Amino acid sequence: MITNLENHMLEEDLKHRILRLIKREVVPAIGCTEPVAVALAVARAVDLYKGTRASITKISCRLSANIVKNAMGVGIPGTGMIGLPIAVALGALVGRHELGLEVLNDVNAEAVKRGKELIDKGIIEIELFKNAPHILHIDITVSGPEHHSRAVISGGHTNFVHCESDGTSVDTDSKAHETSCTDAYAVPELSMHTVWEFATTTPVDELAFILETRRLNKAAAEWALMDNYGHSVGRTLHSERQRNVMGDSTFSRILSYTSAACDARMGGAPVAVMSNSGSGNQGIAATMPVVVYAEENYADREQTIRALTLSHLTAIYIKQSLGCLSALCGCVVAATGSSAGICYLMGGGYPQVVDTVKNMVANLTGMICDGAKPSCALKISSGVSTAVISAMVAMEGQAASALEGIIDNDIDRTIRNLTAIGRDGMTQTDAMILDIMTNKTV
């Protein structure tokens, strides 16, 4: 028989495991996490290479389809360039693998110049790894006349599963096994009610670290509002012409600030953002709508912290069953998190948050991910606008019912219906997307 004291201890253990989970999954990242993860693996392989860097004759990159898809069209911070070759070159030249997803922190104009020269030498080879062992898989081999080294990331953006130098295995010495978003041991079992209870009852000082998401992601948005990055979606929505259409409102500022941060990230701005579950865009979409709504409605510190925690943990919970990468756009996941956070700030309780999430699933399920690119800012603006609407409708007592589409009376089954479609149902969609992307005329 379990005593009340033992029950309490179990609850405390779960709380601390969830805290560790959030701190693992909500981390700073510079640049899109797929090419950055490739740069990270390259940096590690080069570090293990026993010869001089000048003696390297080949950097071979075997990448799973989703890594290729998400790295083809995105800007690399501080370079003014797009795609994998420059990410690989910079990982080899200035990458510091101990920095994780901030591996490209030391990029400067000189490094970019040297990176271009390295690309011109023709030593970088990029190959699609067909039937890779994981949807997120990066296998890097660095070779020279006398030495070779290898580093493999799989299952998570920083999850080193194998390292070797001249054929001898090396301890991965990686914290990444704690960050893989699909490994059962890395994530405590969650439910929507557990997410709610954690976000609303944990002592607020234990959650205060989540405010760093506000600082980093708001700074990225403000950076983009001052210049042109990507398609300048955020800046456009912030302009005088926009005000004549949408007005100067909380809603319009949520759209402009969230999409602006995405503009900066996808456009290669040299700024860090706070990611969620290995994605900077997901971190932005889980943060900025909540931040702007909280500021516009004078939410206090505790309300803001709890709303941000609810948003980020909801996104993490959904990713548990969806997986790190899929054909389902990540903004669906992250915007669902922010919809819950906004609903909480509107005064909603758990029933209203459940209804909000059901409204999101009824609306956004099926939005495809066709790679990381500047137009992601358009998808994010669609996601966060739906988040606001879903919360508003739920606060009026309205929600999609079990008679409608993939919605179930049970919120956790509803979420699993969403993730099953993204993870399993859209597998062929993912393959078709990659085929179209790699065969189109540019």
Protein backbone atom coordinates (compact mmCIF):
# COMPACT_ATOMS: atom_id res chain seq x y z
CA MET A 1 0.00 0.00 0.00
CA ILE A 2 1.35 3.45 -0.93
CA THR A 3 1.16 5.98 1.87
CA ASN A 4 0.33 9.65 1.40
CA LEU A 5 3.98 10.46 2.11
CA GLU A 6 5.12 8.05 -0.63
CA ASN A 7 2.57 9.60 -2.99
CA HIS A 8 3.96 13.04 -2.24
CA MET A 9 7.49 11.80 -2.88
CA LEU A 10 6.42 10.35 -6.23
CA GLU A 11 4.85 13.68 -7.16
CA GLU A 12 8.01 15.54 -6.17
CA ASP A 13 10.10 13.15 -8.26
CA LEU A 14 7.85 13.72 -11.28
CA LYS A 15 8.06 17.49 -10.78
CA HIS A 16 11.85 17.44 -10.76
CA ARG A 17 11.94 15.18 -13.80
CA ILE A 18 9.68 17.59 -15.69
CA LEU A 19 11.89 20.51 -14.65
CA ARG A 20 14.92 18.69 -16.04
CA LEU A 21 12.97 17.89 -19.19
CA ILE A 22 12.10 21.53 -19.85
CA LYS A 23 15.68 22.63 -19.21
CA ARG A 24 16.90 20.00 -21.67
CA GLU A 25 14.42 20.83 -24.41
CA VAL A 26 14.28 24.63 -24.08
CA VAL A 27 17.81 25.76 -24.92
CA PRO A 28 19.49 28.56 -26.90
CA ALA A 29 20.31 27.97 -30.56
CA ILE A 30 22.03 30.09 -33.19
CA GLY A 31 20.59 29.40 -36.61
CA CYS A 32 18.25 26.71 -37.90
CA THR A 33 18.84 23.59 -35.84
CA GLU A 34 19.17 21.12 -38.75
CA PRO A 35 22.20 22.72 -40.52
CA VAL A 36 23.54 23.70 -37.11
CA ALA A 37 23.33 20.07 -35.98
CA VAL A 38 25.32 19.11 -39.08
CA ALA A 39 27.89 21.79 -38.22
CA LEU A 40 28.00 20.38 -34.69
CA ALA A 41 28.77 16.87 -35.93
CA VAL A 42 31.41 18.21 -38.32
CA ALA A 43 33.04 20.19 -35.51
CA ARG A 44 33.20 17.06 -33.35
CA ALA A 45 34.64 14.93 -36.17
CA VAL A 46 37.29 17.56 -36.92
CA ASP A 47 38.17 17.75 -33.24
CA LEU A 48 38.76 13.98 -33.27
CA TYR A 49 40.89 14.14 -36.43
CA LYS A 50 44.54 13.52 -35.48
CA GLY A 51 46.09 15.20 -38.48
CA THR A 52 46.30 18.92 -39.18
CA ARG A 53 43.21 20.67 -40.50
CA ALA A 54 45.17 21.59 -43.62
CA SER A 55 45.64 17.87 -44.37
CA ILE A 56 41.88 17.14 -44.54
CA THR A 57 41.00 16.01 -48.05
CA LYS A 58 37.34 15.09 -47.62
CA ILE A 59 34.41 15.87 -45.36
CA SER A 60 31.70 13.33 -46.11
CA CYS A 61 28.16 14.03 -44.85
CA ARG A 62 25.52 11.30 -44.99
CA LEU A 63 22.21 12.83 -43.91
CA SER A 64 18.67 11.54 -43.39
CA ALA A 65 15.98 12.94 -45.65
CA ASN A 66 14.48 15.26 -43.05
CA ILE A 67 17.85 16.81 -42.28
CA VAL A 68 18.35 17.51 -45.99
CA LYS A 69 14.82 18.89 -46.28
CA ASN A 70 15.21 21.27 -43.37
CA ALA A 71 18.66 22.52 -44.34
CA MET A 72 18.32 23.22 -48.07
CA GLY A 73 16.75 26.66 -48.04
CA VAL A 74 17.62 28.31 -44.75
CA GLY A 75 20.05 31.14 -44.07
CA ILE A 76 23.18 30.43 -42.01
CA PRO A 77 23.77 33.11 -39.35
CA GLY A 78 26.31 35.79 -40.15
CA THR A 79 27.09 34.50 -43.64
CA GLY A 80 24.53 35.89 -46.05
CA MET A 81 24.47 32.36 -47.50
CA ILE A 82 21.96 29.52 -47.62
CA GLY A 83 22.24 25.80 -47.13
CA LEU A 84 24.51 23.01 -45.96
CA PRO A 85 27.91 23.60 -47.63
CA ILE A 86 28.67 26.77 -45.70
CA ALA A 87 27.36 25.22 -42.47
CA VAL A 88 29.69 22.25 -42.96
CA ALA A 89 32.64 24.51 -43.81
CA LEU A 90 32.12 26.72 -40.76
CA GLY A 91 31.65 23.72 -38.50
CA ALA A 92 35.06 22.49 -39.68
CA LEU A 93 36.79 25.85 -39.39
CA VAL A 94 35.39 27.57 -36.29
CA GLY A 95 32.82 25.20 -34.80
CA ARG A 96 33.08 24.42 -31.09
CA HIS A 97 31.14 21.25 -30.39
CA GLU A 98 31.09 21.90 -26.64
CA LEU A 99 28.67 24.78 -27.31
CA GLY A 100 25.97 22.44 -28.61
CA LEU A 101 23.44 24.27 -30.78
CA GLU A 102 25.49 27.46 -30.41
CA VAL A 103 28.37 25.74 -32.21
CA LEU A 104 28.61 28.58 -34.77
CA ASN A 105 28.96 31.27 -32.13
CA ASP A 106 32.42 32.31 -33.43
CA VAL A 107 31.44 32.97 -37.05
CA ASN A 108 32.83 36.24 -38.41
CA ALA A 109 33.65 37.74 -41.82
CA GLU A 110 37.08 36.08 -41.94
CA ALA A 111 35.58 32.68 -41.13
CA VAL A 112 32.99 33.11 -43.90
CA LYS A 113 35.73 33.99 -46.38
CA ARG A 114 37.71 30.89 -45.40
CA GLY A 115 34.51 28.84 -45.54
CA LYS A 116 33.88 29.87 -49.13
CA GLU A 117 37.45 28.90 -50.01
CA LEU A 118 36.95 25.50 -48.39
CA ILE A 119 33.78 24.95 -50.42
CA ASP A 120 35.65 25.89 -53.61
CA LYS A 121 38.22 23.17 -52.90
CA GLY A 122 35.48 20.60 -53.49
CA ILE A 123 36.27 18.51 -50.41
CA ILE A 124 32.73 18.67 -48.97
CA GLU A 125 30.48 15.82 -50.05
CA ILE A 126 26.80 15.74 -49.08
CA GLU A 127 24.80 12.57 -49.63
CA LEU A 128 21.24 11.54 -48.85
CA PHE A 129 21.35 8.59 -46.43
CA LYS A 130 18.53 6.41 -47.75
CA ASN A 131 16.85 4.26 -45.12
CA ALA A 132 18.76 6.01 -42.36
CA PRO A 133 18.30 4.39 -38.93
CA HIS A 134 16.49 7.47 -37.64
CA ILE A 135 14.51 10.30 -39.20
CA LEU A 136 17.07 12.65 -37.63
CA HIS A 137 20.45 11.17 -38.55
CA ILE A 138 23.79 12.83 -39.34
CA ASP A 139 26.89 10.76 -40.16
CA ILE A 140 30.10 12.75 -40.72
CA THR A 141 33.47 11.33 -41.78
CA VAL A 142 36.57 13.50 -42.01
CA SER A 143 39.47 12.01 -44.00
CA GLY A 144 43.08 12.78 -44.85
CA PRO A 145 46.11 10.89 -46.18
CA GLU A 146 46.90 9.22 -42.86
CA HIS A 147 43.98 9.80 -40.52
CA HIS A 148 40.22 9.72 -40.44
CA SER A 149 37.53 10.42 -37.85
CA ARG A 150 33.77 10.05 -37.59
CA ALA A 151 30.92 11.53 -35.58
CA VAL A 152 27.30 10.40 -35.69
CA ILE A 153 24.27 12.27 -34.33
CA SER A 154 20.97 10.40 -34.26
CA GLY A 155 17.59 10.76 -32.59
CA GLY A 156 18.15 14.29 -31.32
CA HIS A 157 19.91 17.39 -32.60
CA THR A 158 22.81 17.04 -30.16
CA ASN A 159 22.60 13.30 -29.56
CA PHE A 160 26.03 11.87 -30.38
CA VAL A 161 25.64 8.10 -30.61
CA HIS A 162 29.04 7.25 -32.04
CA CYS A 163 32.46 8.90 -32.30
CA GLU A 164 35.70 7.41 -33.56
CA SER A 165 39.25 8.40 -34.40
CA ASP A 166 41.29 6.27 -36.81
CA GLY A 167 38.84 3.43 -36.34
CA THR A 168 38.91 3.46 -32.55
CA SER A 169 35.67 4.31 -30.76
CA VAL A 170 35.78 7.33 -28.52
CA ASP A 171 33.53 8.10 -25.57
CA THR A 172 30.86 10.45 -26.90
CA ASP A 173 31.07 12.45 -23.66
CA SER A 174 27.72 13.88 -24.65
CA LYS A 175 24.86 15.25 -22.65
CA ALA A 176 22.75 14.62 -25.70
CA HIS A 177 21.33 11.36 -24.43
CA GLU A 178 19.37 13.61 -22.09
CA THR A 179 17.97 15.64 -24.98
CA SER A 180 16.71 13.08 -27.46
CA CYS A 181 13.05 13.91 -27.94
CA THR A 182 12.10 10.31 -28.71
CA ASP A 183 13.95 8.28 -26.08
CA ALA A 184 11.63 7.02 -23.38
CA TYR A 185 14.16 7.47 -20.59
CA ALA A 186 14.69 11.09 -21.53
CA VAL A 187 11.07 12.17 -21.07
CA PRO A 188 8.77 11.58 -18.11
CA GLU A 189 5.33 10.36 -19.12
CA LEU A 190 3.04 13.35 -19.47
CA SER A 191 -0.64 14.02 -19.98
CA MET A 192 -2.38 17.31 -20.65
CA HIS A 193 -3.60 17.40 -17.06
CA THR A 194 -0.08 16.76 -15.75
CA VAL A 195 1.17 19.63 -17.91
CA TRP A 196 -1.52 21.91 -16.49
CA GLU A 197 -0.90 20.88 -12.88
CA PHE A 198 2.85 21.35 -13.22
CA ALA A 199 2.57 24.78 -14.85
CA THR A 200 0.00 26.13 -12.42
CA THR A 201 1.12 24.66 -9.08
CA THR A 202 4.92 24.40 -9.11
CA PRO A 203 6.50 27.15 -6.95
CA VAL A 204 6.99 30.03 -9.32
CA ASP A 205 10.63 30.64 -8.41
CA GLU A 206 11.44 27.14 -9.68
CA LEU A 207 9.98 28.12 -13.07
CA ALA A 208 11.51 31.59 -13.34
CA PHE A 209 14.23 30.36 -15.72
CA ILE A 210 11.57 30.24 -18.45
CA LEU A 211 11.70 34.05 -18.64
CA GLU A 212 14.96 33.69 -20.57
CA THR A 213 12.81 32.57 -23.51
CA ARG A 214 11.18 36.00 -23.42
CA ARG A 215 14.50 37.85 -23.38
CA LEU A 216 16.13 35.95 -26.24
CA ASN A 217 13.16 35.60 -28.57
CA LYS A 218 11.93 39.15 -28.10
CA ALA A 219 15.44 40.43 -28.86
CA ALA A 220 15.41 38.41 -32.11
CA ALA A 221 12.05 39.92 -33.05
CA GLU A 222 13.26 43.46 -32.37
CA TRP A 223 16.39 42.80 -34.42
CA ALA A 224 14.29 41.82 -37.44
CA LEU A 225 11.93 44.77 -37.04
CA MET A 226 14.91 47.10 -37.57
CA ASP A 227 16.13 45.46 -40.80
CA ASN A 228 15.09 43.20 -43.65
CA TYR A 229 15.46 39.48 -43.03
CA GLY A 230 13.81 36.66 -44.93
CA HIS A 231 10.53 37.90 -46.38
CA SER A 232 10.19 40.62 -43.71
CA VAL A 233 6.81 39.27 -42.67
CA GLY A 234 7.07 40.70 -39.18
CA ARG A 235 8.23 44.10 -40.39
CA THR A 236 5.44 44.20 -42.96
CA LEU A 237 2.82 43.43 -40.30
CA HIS A 238 4.36 46.14 -38.13
CA SER A 239 4.18 48.81 -40.85
CA GLU A 240 1.80 51.74 -41.29
CA ARG A 241 0.11 50.06 -44.25
CA GLN A 242 -0.69 47.03 -42.07
CA ARG A 243 -2.26 49.24 -39.42
CA ASN A 244 -4.75 50.48 -42.00
CA VAL A 245 -5.83 46.86 -42.58
CA MET A 246 -5.50 45.13 -39.20
CA GLY A 247 -5.29 48.02 -36.79
CA ASP A 248 -2.80 48.54 -33.99
CA SER A 249 -3.92 45.79 -31.65
CA THR A 250 -2.71 43.01 -29.40
CA PHE A 251 -3.54 40.58 -32.19
CA SER A 252 -1.52 42.41 -34.84
CA ARG A 253 1.46 42.78 -32.50
CA ILE A 254 1.37 39.07 -31.67
CA LEU A 255 1.59 38.31 -35.38
CA SER A 256 4.30 40.88 -36.13
CA TYR A 257 6.62 40.06 -33.23
CA THR A 258 6.33 36.30 -33.63
CA SER A 259 6.89 36.29 -37.38
CA ALA A 260 9.70 38.87 -37.03
CA ALA A 261 11.68 36.56 -34.75
CA CYS A 262 11.23 33.83 -37.35
CA ASP A 263 12.34 36.22 -40.12
CA ALA A 264 15.56 36.84 -38.20
CA ARG A 265 16.24 33.17 -37.60
CA MET A 266 15.40 31.93 -41.10
CA GLY A 267 17.11 34.91 -42.72
CA GLY A 268 20.47 34.19 -41.08
CA ALA A 269 20.59 36.98 -38.51
CA PRO A 270 23.48 36.46 -36.06
CA VAL A 271 21.22 36.13 -33.04
CA ALA A 272 20.40 33.32 -30.67
CA VAL A 273 16.82 32.23 -30.05
CA MET A 274 15.44 29.93 -27.39
CA SER A 275 14.44 26.68 -29.05
CA ASN A 276 11.89 24.06 -28.04
CA SER A 277 12.39 20.34 -28.74
CA GLY A 278 15.26 21.04 -31.12
CA SER A 279 13.54 23.78 -33.13
CA GLY A 280 14.11 27.52 -32.91
CA ASN A 281 10.88 28.27 -34.74
CA GLN A 282 8.99 26.14 -32.24
CA GLY A 283 10.65 28.01 -29.42
CA ILE A 284 9.65 31.32 -30.99
CA ALA A 285 6.04 30.25 -31.60
CA ALA A 286 5.72 28.91 -28.06
CA THR A 287 7.12 32.14 -26.60
CA MET A 288 6.27 35.32 -28.46
CA PRO A 289 2.43 35.11 -28.63
CA VAL A 290 2.35 34.53 -24.86
CA VAL A 291 4.88 37.31 -24.19
CA VAL A 292 3.05 39.90 -26.28
CA TYR A 293 -0.37 38.99 -24.88
CA ALA A 294 1.01 39.14 -21.33
CA GLU A 295 2.61 42.55 -21.87
CA GLU A 296 -0.42 44.00 -23.64
CA ASN A 297 -2.73 42.87 -20.86
CA TYR A 298 -0.46 43.77 -17.93
CA ALA A 299 0.00 40.22 -16.70
CA ASP A 300 2.18 40.06 -13.61
CA ARG A 301 5.46 38.14 -13.33
CA GLU A 302 3.89 34.96 -11.96
CA GLN A 303 1.14 34.86 -14.58
CA THR A 304 3.71 35.33 -17.34
CA ILE A 305 5.98 32.61 -15.99
CA ARG A 306 3.15 30.11 -15.62
CA ALA A 307 1.74 30.90 -19.08
CA LEU A 308 5.16 30.45 -20.72
CA THR A 309 5.71 27.21 -18.82
CA LEU A 310 2.31 25.91 -19.90
CA SER A 311 3.04 26.83 -23.50
CA HIS A 312 6.49 25.28 -23.71
CA LEU A 313 5.58 22.12 -21.80
CA THR A 314 2.47 21.58 -23.95
CA ALA A 315 4.68 21.72 -27.04
CA ILE A 316 7.16 19.29 -25.47
CA TYR A 317 4.31 16.93 -24.56
CA ILE A 318 3.00 16.87 -28.12
CA LYS A 319 6.51 16.27 -29.47
CA GLN A 320 6.86 13.22 -27.22
CA SER A 321 4.61 11.21 -29.52
CA LEU A 322 5.22 13.15 -32.75
CA GLY A 323 9.01 12.79 -32.77
CA CYS A 324 11.81 15.25 -33.48
CA LEU A 325 11.05 15.73 -37.19
CA SER A 326 7.99 14.93 -39.28
CA ALA A 327 5.93 16.04 -42.26
CA LEU A 328 3.74 18.03 -39.85
CA CYS A 329 4.81 21.67 -39.54
CA GLY A 330 6.29 22.37 -36.11
CA CYS A 331 4.28 25.58 -35.81
CA VAL A 332 1.20 23.40 -35.32
CA VAL A 333 2.81 21.98 -32.19
CA ALA A 334 4.28 25.20 -30.82
CA ALA A 335 1.26 27.34 -31.62
CA THR A 336 -0.89 24.81 -29.79
CA GLY A 337 1.34 25.42 -26.79
CA SER A 338 0.98 29.18 -27.06
CA SER A 339 -2.80 28.84 -27.46
CA ALA A 340 -2.88 27.14 -24.05
CA GLY A 341 -0.72 29.87 -22.54
CA ILE A 342 -2.89 32.63 -23.98
CA CYS A 343 -6.05 30.90 -22.75
CA TYR A 344 -4.56 30.80 -19.24
CA LEU A 345 -3.78 34.54 -19.44
CA MET A 346 -7.37 35.18 -20.54
CA GLY A 347 -8.47 33.66 -17.24
CA GLY A 348 -9.18 30.20 -18.55
CA GLY A 349 -8.98 27.13 -16.36
CA TYR A 350 -8.14 23.59 -17.34
CA PRO A 351 -11.48 22.94 -19.15
CA GLN A 352 -10.98 26.04 -21.31
CA VAL A 353 -7.37 25.08 -22.08
CA VAL A 354 -8.56 21.63 -23.17
CA ASP A 355 -11.13 23.23 -25.45
CA THR A 356 -8.48 25.56 -26.86
CA VAL A 357 -6.19 22.66 -27.75
CA LYS A 358 -9.10 20.81 -29.39
CA ASN A 359 -9.84 23.90 -31.48
CA MET A 360 -6.20 24.02 -32.60
CA VAL A 361 -6.18 20.35 -33.60
CA ALA A 362 -9.45 20.79 -35.49
CA ASN A 363 -7.94 23.67 -37.47
CA LEU A 364 -4.23 23.17 -38.16
CA THR A 365 -3.77 19.40 -38.48
CA GLY A 366 -2.19 18.58 -41.82
CA MET A 367 -0.11 21.72 -42.36
CA ILE A 368 2.96 20.34 -44.10
CA CYS A 369 6.60 20.95 -43.27
CA ASP A 370 8.41 21.56 -46.56
CA GLY A 371 11.73 22.46 -45.00
CA ALA A 372 13.17 25.33 -43.00
CA LYS A 373 13.17 28.51 -45.06
CA PRO A 374 12.25 32.23 -44.92
CA SER A 375 8.57 31.53 -45.68
CA CYS A 376 8.30 29.68 -42.35
CA ALA A 377 7.42 33.13 -40.99
CA LEU A 378 4.19 32.97 -43.00
CA LYS A 379 3.31 29.59 -41.50
CA ILE A 380 4.10 30.81 -38.01
CA SER A 381 1.81 33.81 -38.51
CA SER A 382 -0.96 31.39 -39.54
CA GLY A 383 -0.32 29.21 -36.52
CA VAL A 384 -0.30 31.97 -33.93
CA SER A 385 -3.33 33.70 -35.39
CA THR A 386 -5.17 30.40 -35.01
CA ALA A 387 -3.85 30.18 -31.44
CA VAL A 388 -5.49 33.47 -30.49
CA ILE A 389 -8.76 32.60 -32.22
CA SER A 390 -8.85 29.13 -30.64
CA ALA A 391 -8.41 30.59 -27.16
CA MET A 392 -11.06 33.26 -27.75
CA VAL A 393 -13.59 30.71 -28.99
CA ALA A 394 -12.87 28.41 -26.04
CA MET A 395 -13.36 31.26 -23.59
CA GLU A 396 -16.83 31.71 -25.08
CA GLY A 397 -17.59 28.08 -24.22
CA GLN A 398 -17.19 26.70 -27.73
CA ALA A 399 -14.96 23.83 -28.85
CA ALA A 400 -14.72 21.24 -31.60
CA SER A 401 -16.52 18.11 -30.41
CA ALA A 402 -15.95 14.37 -30.75
CA LEU A 403 -18.48 14.39 -33.60
CA GLU A 404 -16.01 16.45 -35.66
CA GLY A 405 -13.09 14.97 -37.54
CA ILE A 406 -10.21 13.64 -35.46
CA ILE A 407 -11.33 15.25 -32.18
CA ASP A 408 -11.94 12.87 -29.27
CA ASN A 409 -13.70 13.59 -25.99
CA ASP A 410 -10.40 12.78 -24.28
CA ILE A 411 -7.79 15.50 -24.86
CA ASP A 412 -4.82 13.13 -24.72
CA ARG A 413 -6.38 10.88 -27.36
CA THR A 414 -7.04 13.98 -29.45
CA ILE A 415 -3.36 14.89 -29.25
CA ARG A 416 -2.34 11.34 -30.13
CA ASN A 417 -4.65 11.49 -33.16
CA LEU A 418 -2.81 14.62 -34.28
CA THR A 419 0.63 13.11 -33.79
CA ALA A 420 -0.31 9.79 -35.41
CA ILE A 421 -1.26 11.69 -38.56
CA GLY A 422 1.98 13.69 -38.51
CA ARG A 423 4.23 10.76 -37.57
CA ASP A 424 2.64 7.86 -39.48
CA GLY A 425 -0.11 9.11 -41.76
CA MET A 426 2.06 11.69 -43.51
CA THR A 427 5.08 9.45 -44.15
CA GLN A 428 4.42 9.30 -47.88
CA THR A 429 3.73 13.03 -47.86
CA ASP A 430 7.20 13.58 -46.41
CA ALA A 431 8.81 11.49 -49.15
CA MET A 432 6.90 13.36 -51.84
CA ILE A 433 7.86 16.74 -50.38
CA LEU A 434 11.55 15.82 -50.50
CA ASP A 435 11.22 14.49 -54.04
CA ILE A 436 9.60 17.73 -55.19
CA MET A 437 12.20 19.86 -53.38
CA THR A 438 15.17 18.01 -54.82
CA ASN A 439 13.87 17.84 -58.39
CA LYS A 440 12.33 21.25 -59.02
CA THR A 441 13.76 23.83 -61.38
CA VAL A 442 15.14 26.86 -59.53
